[in-house]
Amino acid sequence: GDGGGGGGSSGGDKQKQQQQDKKSRKKKKKIDTSPPPPSRLTPAHEVYNRLKWSGDFDPSTLIICWEDRFLGIVEQRFAEYDTENVPFHRVRQFKTSDGEVMWDRTERIDRISEVAARQ
């Protein structure tokens, strides 16, 4: 009679072990802290801050292109861009005064982050 009781408890032990294994597998899962894949476009507000504060670019030579709901695309000198009244999700492009595109939301161009990555 004792053999049957022992077998039943070992079955329960096995079930507990399987539950613990599942829990430990969940704990072992590491959070991915690697940089995002290159397909991710750097957000406009990050590009703006990099241009403004990094010293890698001369802000006086930069133009921001943003979309106005009524006027369409508006080009504005970097220094005149109003961060309070024009939200960054409207920014479409950063370019130099000679027309070289440095960042473009639609075309997914980001030469600004490429420059920063090289340093």
Protein backbone atom coordinates (compact mmCIF):
# COMPACT_ATOMS: atom_id res chain seq x y z
CA GLY A 1 0.00 0.00 0.00
CA ASP A 2 2.90 2.39 0.64
CA GLY A 3 4.26 2.13 -2.92
CA GLY A 4 1.11 3.71 -4.39
CA GLY A 5 1.28 6.73 -2.10
CA GLY A 6 4.94 7.32 -2.85
CA GLY A 7 4.31 7.20 -6.59
CA GLY A 8 1.55 9.76 -6.29
CA SER A 9 3.75 12.24 -4.44
CA SER A 10 6.57 11.87 -6.94
CA GLY A 11 4.09 12.67 -9.70
CA GLY A 12 3.15 15.83 -7.81
CA ASP A 13 6.83 16.63 -7.33
CA LYS A 14 7.36 16.23 -11.06
CA GLN A 15 4.49 18.65 -11.76
CA LYS A 16 5.94 21.19 -9.28
CA GLN A 17 9.35 20.83 -10.95
CA GLN A 18 7.80 21.52 -14.38
CA GLN A 19 6.08 24.65 -13.02
CA GLN A 20 9.36 25.85 -11.52
CA ASP A 21 11.12 25.18 -14.83
CA LYS A 22 8.55 27.34 -16.63
CA LYS A 23 9.01 30.14 -14.09
CA SER A 24 12.79 29.98 -14.33
CA ARG A 25 12.60 30.08 -18.13
CA LYS A 26 10.60 33.29 -17.90
CA LYS A 27 13.15 34.80 -15.55
CA LYS A 28 16.06 33.87 -17.82
CA LYS A 29 14.59 35.82 -20.72
CA LYS A 30 16.87 38.81 -21.20
CA ILE A 31 15.68 42.25 -22.14
CA ASP A 32 17.19 43.34 -25.45
CA THR A 33 19.28 46.43 -24.73
CA SER A 34 21.04 46.44 -28.10
CA PRO A 35 20.60 49.53 -30.29
CA PRO A 36 17.52 49.54 -32.50
CA PRO A 37 17.81 48.06 -35.98
CA PRO A 38 18.98 50.47 -38.69
CA SER A 39 15.47 50.56 -40.16
CA ARG A 40 14.35 52.75 -37.25
CA LEU A 41 14.39 56.41 -38.21
CA THR A 42 15.67 58.76 -35.52
CA PRO A 43 12.70 60.88 -34.36
CA ALA A 44 12.61 64.54 -35.42
CA HIS A 45 12.93 65.89 -31.86
CA GLU A 46 16.13 63.87 -31.33
CA VAL A 47 17.56 65.13 -34.62
CA TYR A 48 16.63 68.70 -33.67
CA ASN A 49 18.38 68.41 -30.31
CA ARG A 50 21.46 66.83 -31.88
CA LEU A 51 21.67 69.61 -34.45
CA LYS A 52 21.15 72.29 -31.83
CA TRP A 53 23.54 71.02 -29.14
CA SER A 54 26.16 68.67 -30.62
CA GLY A 55 28.36 71.24 -32.34
CA ASP A 56 28.75 68.90 -35.34
CA PHE A 57 26.63 71.17 -37.54
CA ASP A 58 26.29 74.91 -37.95
CA PRO A 59 22.63 75.68 -37.17
CA SER A 60 22.80 78.91 -39.18
CA THR A 61 23.15 76.81 -42.37
CA LEU A 62 20.17 74.53 -41.63
CA ILE A 63 16.56 74.64 -42.74
CA ILE A 64 13.62 72.78 -41.23
CA CYS A 65 10.75 71.77 -43.49
CA TRP A 66 7.48 71.10 -41.72
CA GLU A 67 3.92 70.52 -42.82
CA ASP A 68 1.33 73.16 -42.06
CA ARG A 69 -2.27 71.93 -42.18
CA PHE A 70 -3.31 74.80 -44.45
CA LEU A 71 -0.16 76.02 -46.22
CA GLY A 72 1.48 72.67 -46.98
CA ILE A 73 5.27 72.35 -46.59
CA VAL A 74 6.86 75.36 -44.88
CA GLU A 75 10.63 75.94 -45.01
CA GLN A 76 12.08 77.81 -42.08
CA ARG A 77 15.57 78.63 -40.89
CA PHE A 78 16.61 76.33 -38.06
CA ALA A 79 17.04 79.19 -35.57
CA GLU A 80 13.49 80.44 -36.27
CA TYR A 81 11.73 77.10 -35.78
CA ASP A 82 9.13 77.45 -33.02
CA THR A 83 9.22 74.28 -30.95
CA GLU A 84 6.31 75.55 -28.84
CA ASN A 85 3.80 75.97 -31.68
CA VAL A 86 4.95 73.51 -34.34
CA PRO A 87 4.94 69.92 -33.06
CA PHE A 88 7.82 67.68 -34.11
CA HIS A 89 5.50 65.16 -35.75
CA ARG A 90 4.92 67.80 -38.45
CA VAL A 91 8.63 68.04 -39.30
CA ARG A 92 9.30 66.40 -42.66
CA GLN A 93 12.90 67.32 -43.40
CA PHE A 94 16.12 68.93 -42.19
CA LYS A 95 18.39 70.23 -44.92
CA THR A 96 21.30 72.58 -45.46
CA SER A 97 20.78 76.02 -47.00
CA ASP A 98 22.34 74.71 -50.24
CA GLY A 99 19.63 72.03 -50.46
CA GLU A 100 21.45 68.91 -49.18
CA VAL A 101 18.91 66.73 -47.37
CA MET A 102 20.23 65.70 -43.96
CA TRP A 103 17.09 63.99 -42.62
CA ASP A 104 13.85 63.12 -44.38
CA ARG A 105 10.89 61.39 -42.75
CA THR A 106 9.26 60.22 -46.00
CA GLU A 107 12.44 59.00 -47.74
CA ARG A 108 13.85 57.66 -44.43
CA ILE A 109 17.15 59.49 -44.85
CA ASP A 110 19.22 60.16 -41.72
CA ARG A 111 22.69 61.53 -42.47
CA ILE A 112 22.77 63.32 -39.11
CA SER A 113 22.82 60.09 -37.09
CA GLU A 114 25.37 58.62 -39.51
CA VAL A 115 27.74 61.52 -38.73
CA ALA A 116 27.23 61.08 -34.99
CA ALA A 117 27.83 57.32 -35.23
CA ARG A 118 31.21 57.84 -36.93
CA GLN A 119 32.52 59.87 -34.01
